[in-house]
Amino acid sequence: WHALVEILGRPAWAGDPRLATRAGRRQRHDTIDAELSRWCAAHERDALVAQLLARGLPAAPVLHPREAASNPQMRARGFFEAETHPVTGTHELPGLPMRFSDVERRNRSPAPTLGEHTEEVLREVLGLGDEAIAELRAEGIVGERPAGA
């Protein structure tokens, strides 16, 4: 707390005696969060993180999703997994943020294509036969292409 107050430039609000203890700071966390938000907004993110870390304070940047893909830590941990889709090709997708010894990878298969499981659902779940399925297809109720394509 004292190191943070020093970095903040000893603002008046931080001198509130009710903030002198952990319990007091916990009770007034909304006030502290609001003040820290104002202070952080006035600083460049990466420089601020470096300054906090240099003083021994835990800090990390909040990344925009676009930045996550090039983050060295996420790359080193193998967070992104290549997935090949039959229509859109190969893309990197986010994996699990943690690792399990029994799970090789999170993404086991690409997203299904339109209508990929229609026949299976119609037969196995709804119990329809060839004639009923053919009728649904003929009427355009089910299919593998968007209407009008």
Foldseek 3Di string as FASTA:
>chain_A
DVLVCVVLVVDPVCPPPLNVDPVSCVVVVVVVVVVVVVSVVVDDQVVVCVVCVVSVHDDDGDDDVVVLVVDPVCVVVVQWDWAQDPPPGIDTDGWDPDDDPVDPTHDPHDDDAFQNCVVVCCCVVVNDDPVVVVVCVVVVVGDRDPPPD
